C-alpha atoms as a PDB file:
ATOM      1  CA  MET A   1     -34.828 178.726  36.366  1.00  0.00           C
ATOM      2  CA  ASP A   2     -35.415 181.645  34.028  1.00  0.00           C
ATOM      3  CA  ARG A   3     -38.671 181.402  31.968  1.00  0.00           C
ATOM      4  CA  ALA A   4     -36.660 182.320  28.840  1.00  0.00           C
ATOM      5  CA  ALA A   5     -34.727 179.121  29.077  1.00  0.00           C
ATOM      6  CA  TYR A   6     -37.992 177.154  28.708  1.00  0.00           C
ATOM      7  CA  ASP A   7     -39.102 179.200  25.741  1.00  0.00           C
ATOM      8  CA  SER A   8     -35.907 178.677  23.730  1.00  0.00           C
ATOM      9  CA  ASN A   9     -36.101 177.129  20.269  1.00  0.00           C
ATOM     10  CA  ILE A  10     -33.593 175.185  18.328  1.00  0.00           C
ATOM     11  CA  ALA A  11     -31.917 177.691  15.902  1.00  0.00           C
ATOM     12  CA  ALA A  12     -30.054 175.355  13.621  1.00  0.00           C
ATOM     13  CA  VAL A  13     -29.091 171.816  13.053  1.00  0.00           C
ATOM     14  CA  ASP A  14     -26.030 170.799  11.083  1.00  0.00           C
ATOM     15  CA  ASP A  15     -26.225 167.291   9.711  1.00  0.00           C
ATOM     16  CA  GLY A  16     -23.327 167.549   7.464  1.00  0.00           C
ATOM     17  CA  PRO A  17     -20.632 164.841   7.382  1.00  0.00           C
ATOM     18  CA  VAL A  18     -17.871 164.802   9.973  1.00  0.00           C
ATOM     19  CA  SER A  19     -14.439 164.842   8.410  1.00  0.00           C
ATOM     20  CA  SER A  20     -13.220 161.906  10.430  1.00  0.00           C
ATOM     21  CA  PRO A  21     -14.936 159.172  12.428  1.00  0.00           C
ATOM     22  CA  PHE A  22     -15.005 159.265  16.156  1.00  0.00           C
ATOM     23  CA  ARG A  23     -13.325 156.064  17.190  1.00  0.00           C
ATOM     24  CA  ILE A  24     -14.020 154.633  20.641  1.00  0.00           C
ATOM     25  CA  ARG A  25     -10.771 154.422  22.405  1.00  0.00           C
ATOM     26  CA  ASN A  26     -11.891 153.658  25.936  1.00  0.00           C
ATOM     27  CA  ALA A  27     -14.960 152.329  27.746  1.00  0.00           C
ATOM     28  CA  ARG A  28     -14.889 152.188  31.473  1.00  0.00           C
ATOM     29  CA  VAL A  29     -17.448 150.501  33.783  1.00  0.00           C
ATOM     30  CA  ILE A  30     -17.739 152.290  37.108  1.00  0.00           C
ATOM     31  CA  VAL A  31     -19.604 150.885  40.173  1.00  0.00           C
ATOM     32  CA  THR A  32     -20.310 154.030  42.161  1.00  0.00           C
ATOM     33  CA  SER A  33     -21.975 152.444  45.115  1.00  0.00           C
ATOM     34  CA  PRO A  34     -21.823 148.543  45.340  1.00  0.00           C
ATOM     35  CA  GLY A  35     -25.034 147.117  46.658  1.00  0.00           C
ATOM     36  CA  ARG A  36     -27.194 150.092  45.559  1.00  0.00           C
ATOM     37  CA  ASN A  37     -27.647 149.370  41.835  1.00  0.00           C
ATOM     38  CA  PHE A  38     -25.419 152.206  40.507  1.00  0.00           C
ATOM     39  CA  VAL A  39     -23.418 150.945  37.400  1.00  0.00           C
ATOM     40  CA  THR A  40     -22.200 153.614  34.915  1.00  0.00           C
ATOM     41  CA  LEU A  41     -20.528 153.088  31.624  1.00  0.00           C
ATOM     42  CA  LYS A  42     -18.283 155.913  30.392  1.00  0.00           C
ATOM     43  CA  ILE A  43     -17.327 155.775  26.536  1.00  0.00           C
ATOM     44  CA  GLU A  44     -14.532 158.035  25.356  1.00  0.00           C
ATOM     45  CA  THR A  45     -13.538 158.754  21.721  1.00  0.00           C
ATOM     46  CA  ASP A  46     -10.154 159.543  20.368  1.00  0.00           C
ATOM     47  CA  GLN A  47     -11.391 163.119  19.782  1.00  0.00           C
ATOM     48  CA  GLY A  48     -12.018 163.581  23.537  1.00  0.00           C
ATOM     49  CA  VAL A  49     -15.849 163.326  23.271  1.00  0.00           C
ATOM     50  CA  TYR A  50     -17.407 161.131  25.872  1.00  0.00           C
ATOM     51  CA  GLY A  51     -20.826 159.797  26.812  1.00  0.00           C
ATOM     52  CA  ILE A  52     -22.136 158.367  30.104  1.00  0.00           C
ATOM     53  CA  GLY A  53     -24.938 155.790  30.573  1.00  0.00           C
ATOM     54  CA  ASP A  54     -26.436 153.845  33.311  1.00  0.00           C
ATOM     55  CA  ALA A  55     -27.083 150.109  33.382  1.00  0.00           C
ATOM     56  CA  THR A  56     -28.448 148.015  36.227  1.00  0.00           C
ATOM     57  CA  LEU A  57     -30.427 145.054  37.343  1.00  0.00           C
ATOM     58  CA  ASN A  58     -31.837 145.212  40.808  1.00  0.00           C
ATOM     59  CA  GLY A  59     -29.632 143.332  43.210  1.00  0.00           C
ATOM     60  CA  ARG A  60     -27.364 142.142  40.354  1.00  0.00           C
ATOM     61  CA  GLU A  61     -25.169 145.123  39.690  1.00  0.00           C
ATOM     62  CA  MET A  62     -21.901 143.051  39.665  1.00  0.00           C
ATOM     63  CA  ALA A  63     -23.501 140.732  36.991  1.00  0.00           C
ATOM     64  CA  VAL A  64     -24.133 143.885  34.909  1.00  0.00           C
ATOM     65  CA  VAL A  65     -20.463 144.941  35.444  1.00  0.00           C
ATOM     66  CA  ALA A  66     -19.190 141.522  34.332  1.00  0.00           C
ATOM     67  CA  TYR A  67     -21.479 141.576  31.308  1.00  0.00           C
ATOM     68  CA  LEU A  68     -20.405 145.024  30.240  1.00  0.00           C
ATOM     69  CA  GLN A  69     -16.635 144.345  30.810  1.00  0.00           C
ATOM     70  CA  ASP A  70     -16.571 140.914  29.233  1.00  0.00           C
ATOM     71  CA  HIS A  71     -19.028 141.296  26.324  1.00  0.00           C
ATOM     72  CA  VAL A  72     -19.865 144.932  25.529  1.00  0.00           C
ATOM     73  CA  VAL A  73     -16.564 146.891  26.090  1.00  0.00           C
ATOM     74  CA  PRO A  74     -14.423 144.597  23.846  1.00  0.00           C
ATOM     75  CA  VAL A  75     -16.888 145.062  21.045  1.00  0.00           C
ATOM     76  CA  LEU A  76     -16.919 148.834  21.389  1.00  0.00           C
ATOM     77  CA  ILE A  77     -13.249 149.574  21.316  1.00  0.00           C
ATOM     78  CA  GLY A  78     -12.147 150.847  17.905  1.00  0.00           C
ATOM     79  CA  ARG A  79     -15.690 151.282  16.525  1.00  0.00           C
ATOM     80  CA  ASP A  80     -17.109 154.413  15.083  1.00  0.00           C
ATOM     81  CA  ALA A  81     -18.953 156.072  17.839  1.00  0.00           C
ATOM     82  CA  ARG A  82     -21.469 157.710  15.453  1.00  0.00           C
ATOM     83  CA  ARG A  83     -23.018 154.337  14.644  1.00  0.00           C
END
């Protein structure tokens, strides 16, 4: 990688209000490799912005999937993604 990329500084930060909230419209639990601890949660907003995170518990990835699908995802849908 180019050395200049490491020497970059943040030029500006805009912390002004966003005109409308980003509502979570979809949250999807993805098991990428059953038996190998890979559980991914993809959260999408009504504005098309998305985020991806990983959650796991060694040897219990399907328990993590059930927890996310049954308890976390229902609470997320419709919420403001900025909070």
